[in-house]
């Protein structure tokens, strides 16, 4: 989980340079089921699990993003990074 969170913060840092938003957020999701919409013939959102949302200020993540990603990978959530757990990881296979 820490690797996913660290990667997400790294992505937010990379995107902060081209954004004008004050706050940036990313949600980590996965497909729980392979449900296909009979109408559209594509995967539905019915089987999507939102694991967490990570929220940061654009200015702070642009300045500290890589350091933050390393700290999160090491198991420490730095001040300035909000991680809201909203679901569960998929079961081990």
C-alpha atoms as a PDB file:
ATOM      1  CA  UNK A   1       0.000   0.000   0.000  1.00  0.00           C
ATOM      2  CA  UNK A   2       2.839   2.371   0.832  1.00  0.00           C
ATOM      3  CA  UNK A   3       4.296   1.831  -2.653  1.00  0.00           C
ATOM      4  CA  UNK A   4       0.962   2.837  -4.237  1.00  0.00           C
ATOM      5  CA  UNK A   5       0.712   5.932  -2.044  1.00  0.00           C
ATOM      6  CA  UNK A   6       4.329   6.927  -2.747  1.00  0.00           C
ATOM      7  CA  UNK A   7       3.819   6.502  -6.497  1.00  0.00           C
ATOM      8  CA  UNK A   8       0.650   8.603  -6.345  1.00  0.00           C
ATOM      9  CA  UNK A   9       2.440  11.446  -4.519  1.00  0.00           C
ATOM     10  CA  UNK A  10       5.243  11.284  -7.091  1.00  0.00           C
ATOM     11  CA  UNK A  11       2.678  11.621  -9.883  1.00  0.00           C
ATOM     12  CA  UNK A  12       1.039  14.566  -8.125  1.00  0.00           C
ATOM     13  CA  UNK A  13       4.467  16.233  -7.866  1.00  0.00           C
ATOM     14  CA  UNK A  14       5.064  15.739 -11.592  1.00  0.00           C
ATOM     15  CA  UNK A  15       1.664  17.173 -12.507  1.00  0.00           C
ATOM     16  CA  UNK A  16       1.889  20.100 -10.086  1.00  0.00           C
ATOM     17  CA  UNK A  17       4.225  21.962 -12.424  1.00  0.00           C
ATOM     18  CA  UNK A  18       1.593  22.245 -15.161  1.00  0.00           C
ATOM     19  CA  UNK A  19      -1.413  22.852 -12.892  1.00  0.00           C
ATOM     20  CA  UNK A  20      -2.882  26.092 -11.631  1.00  0.00           C
ATOM     21  CA  UNK A  21      -5.143  24.442  -9.028  1.00  0.00           C
ATOM     22  CA  UNK A  22      -4.515  25.172  -5.359  1.00  0.00           C
ATOM     23  CA  UNK A  23      -5.169  21.580  -4.283  1.00  0.00           C
ATOM     24  CA  UNK A  24      -4.410  18.333  -6.104  1.00  0.00           C
ATOM     25  CA  UNK A  25      -5.939  14.940  -5.377  1.00  0.00           C
ATOM     26  CA  UNK A  26      -5.640  11.432  -6.726  1.00  0.00           C
ATOM     27  CA  UNK A  27      -7.775   8.388  -5.968  1.00  0.00           C
ATOM     28  CA  UNK A  28      -6.394   4.857  -5.977  1.00  0.00           C
ATOM     29  CA  UNK A  29      -8.970   2.406  -7.331  1.00  0.00           C
ATOM     30  CA  UNK A  30      -9.111  -1.166  -8.602  1.00  0.00           C
ATOM     31  CA  UNK A  31     -11.628  -3.322 -10.461  1.00  0.00           C
ATOM     32  CA  UNK A  32     -13.270  -5.811  -8.055  1.00  0.00           C
ATOM     33  CA  UNK A  33     -15.367  -7.528 -10.695  1.00  0.00           C
ATOM     34  CA  UNK A  34     -15.332  -7.913 -14.422  1.00  0.00           C
ATOM     35  CA  UNK A  35     -18.941  -6.718 -14.751  1.00  0.00           C
ATOM     36  CA  UNK A  36     -19.736  -5.637 -18.308  1.00  0.00           C
ATOM     37  CA  UNK A  37     -22.549  -3.239 -19.139  1.00  0.00           C
ATOM     38  CA  UNK A  38     -25.001  -5.027 -21.456  1.00  0.00           C
ATOM     39  CA  UNK A  39     -25.903  -1.682 -23.028  1.00  0.00           C
ATOM     40  CA  UNK A  40     -22.400  -0.335 -23.739  1.00  0.00           C
ATOM     41  CA  UNK A  41     -20.338  -3.535 -23.747  1.00  0.00           C
ATOM     42  CA  UNK A  42     -17.627  -2.044 -21.483  1.00  0.00           C
ATOM     43  CA  UNK A  43     -16.624  -2.489 -17.838  1.00  0.00           C
ATOM     44  CA  UNK A  44     -18.979  -0.882 -15.330  1.00  0.00           C
ATOM     45  CA  UNK A  45     -18.148   1.201 -12.274  1.00  0.00           C
ATOM     46  CA  UNK A  46     -20.292  -1.169 -10.218  1.00  0.00           C
ATOM     47  CA  UNK A  47     -17.281  -3.346  -9.413  1.00  0.00           C
ATOM     48  CA  UNK A  48     -14.777  -0.537  -8.782  1.00  0.00           C
ATOM     49  CA  UNK A  49     -13.329  -0.211  -5.273  1.00  0.00           C
ATOM     50  CA  UNK A  50     -11.874   3.130  -4.216  1.00  0.00           C
ATOM     51  CA  UNK A  51      -9.035   2.330  -1.816  1.00  0.00           C
ATOM     52  CA  UNK A  52      -7.949   5.843  -0.847  1.00  0.00           C
ATOM     53  CA  UNK A  53      -7.690   9.473  -1.888  1.00  0.00           C
ATOM     54  CA  UNK A  54      -4.506  11.493  -1.466  1.00  0.00           C
ATOM     55  CA  UNK A  55      -4.829  15.283  -1.175  1.00  0.00           C
ATOM     56  CA  UNK A  56      -1.989  17.835  -1.228  1.00  0.00           C
ATOM     57  CA  UNK A  57      -1.470  21.523  -1.915  1.00  0.00           C
ATOM     58  CA  UNK A  58      -0.052  22.068  -5.394  1.00  0.00           C
ATOM     59  CA  UNK A  59       2.619  24.470  -4.197  1.00  0.00           C
ATOM     60  CA  UNK A  60       3.828  22.149  -1.424  1.00  0.00           C
ATOM     61  CA  UNK A  61       3.895  18.996  -3.526  1.00  0.00           C
ATOM     62  CA  UNK A  62       5.786  20.792  -6.293  1.00  0.00           C
ATOM     63  CA  UNK A  63       8.455  21.708  -3.748  1.00  0.00           C
ATOM     64  CA  UNK A  64       8.477  18.552  -1.569  1.00  0.00           C
ATOM     65  CA  UNK A  65       6.911  15.817  -3.693  1.00  0.00           C
ATOM     66  CA  UNK A  66       9.915  13.551  -4.210  1.00  0.00           C
ATOM     67  CA  UNK A  67      10.934  13.812  -0.560  1.00  0.00           C
ATOM     68  CA  UNK A  68       7.352  13.084   0.480  1.00  0.00           C
ATOM     69  CA  UNK A  69       7.173  10.063  -1.839  1.00  0.00           C
ATOM     70  CA  UNK A  70      10.331   8.639  -0.236  1.00  0.00           C
ATOM     71  CA  UNK A  71       8.997   9.268   3.279  1.00  0.00           C
ATOM     72  CA  UNK A  72       5.697   7.550   2.447  1.00  0.00           C
ATOM     73  CA  UNK A  73       7.563   4.586   0.939  1.00  0.00           C
ATOM     74  CA  UNK A  74       9.396   4.335   4.280  1.00  0.00           C
ATOM     75  CA  UNK A  75       6.095   4.248   6.198  1.00  0.00           C
ATOM     76  CA  UNK A  76       5.810   7.875   7.363  1.00  0.00           C
ATOM     77  CA  UNK A  77       3.095  10.252   6.136  1.00  0.00           C
ATOM     78  CA  UNK A  78       4.582  13.762   6.200  1.00  0.00           C
ATOM     79  CA  UNK A  79       2.642  16.875   7.234  1.00  0.00           C
ATOM     80  CA  UNK A  80       0.995  18.322   4.154  1.00  0.00           C
ATOM     81  CA  UNK A  81      -0.154  14.963   2.794  1.00  0.00           C
ATOM     82  CA  UNK A  82      -3.681  13.838   3.595  1.00  0.00           C
ATOM     83  CA  UNK A  83      -4.475  10.181   2.921  1.00  0.00           C
ATOM     84  CA  UNK A  84      -8.141   9.309   3.295  1.00  0.00           C
ATOM     85  CA  UNK A  85      -8.684   5.528   3.441  1.00  0.00           C
ATOM     86  CA  UNK A  86     -12.026   4.722   1.808  1.00  0.00           C
ATOM     87  CA  UNK A  87     -11.959   1.028   0.972  1.00  0.00           C
ATOM     88  CA  UNK A  88      -9.973  -2.179   1.111  1.00  0.00           C
ATOM     89  CA  UNK A  89      -7.151  -3.661  -0.885  1.00  0.00           C
ATOM     90  CA  UNK A  90      -7.982  -6.676  -3.034  1.00  0.00           C
ATOM     91  CA  UNK A  91      -7.565 -10.071  -1.381  1.00  0.00           C
ATOM     92  CA  UNK A  92      -4.196 -11.798  -1.940  1.00  0.00           C
ATOM     93  CA  UNK A  93      -4.145 -14.205  -4.847  1.00  0.00           C
END
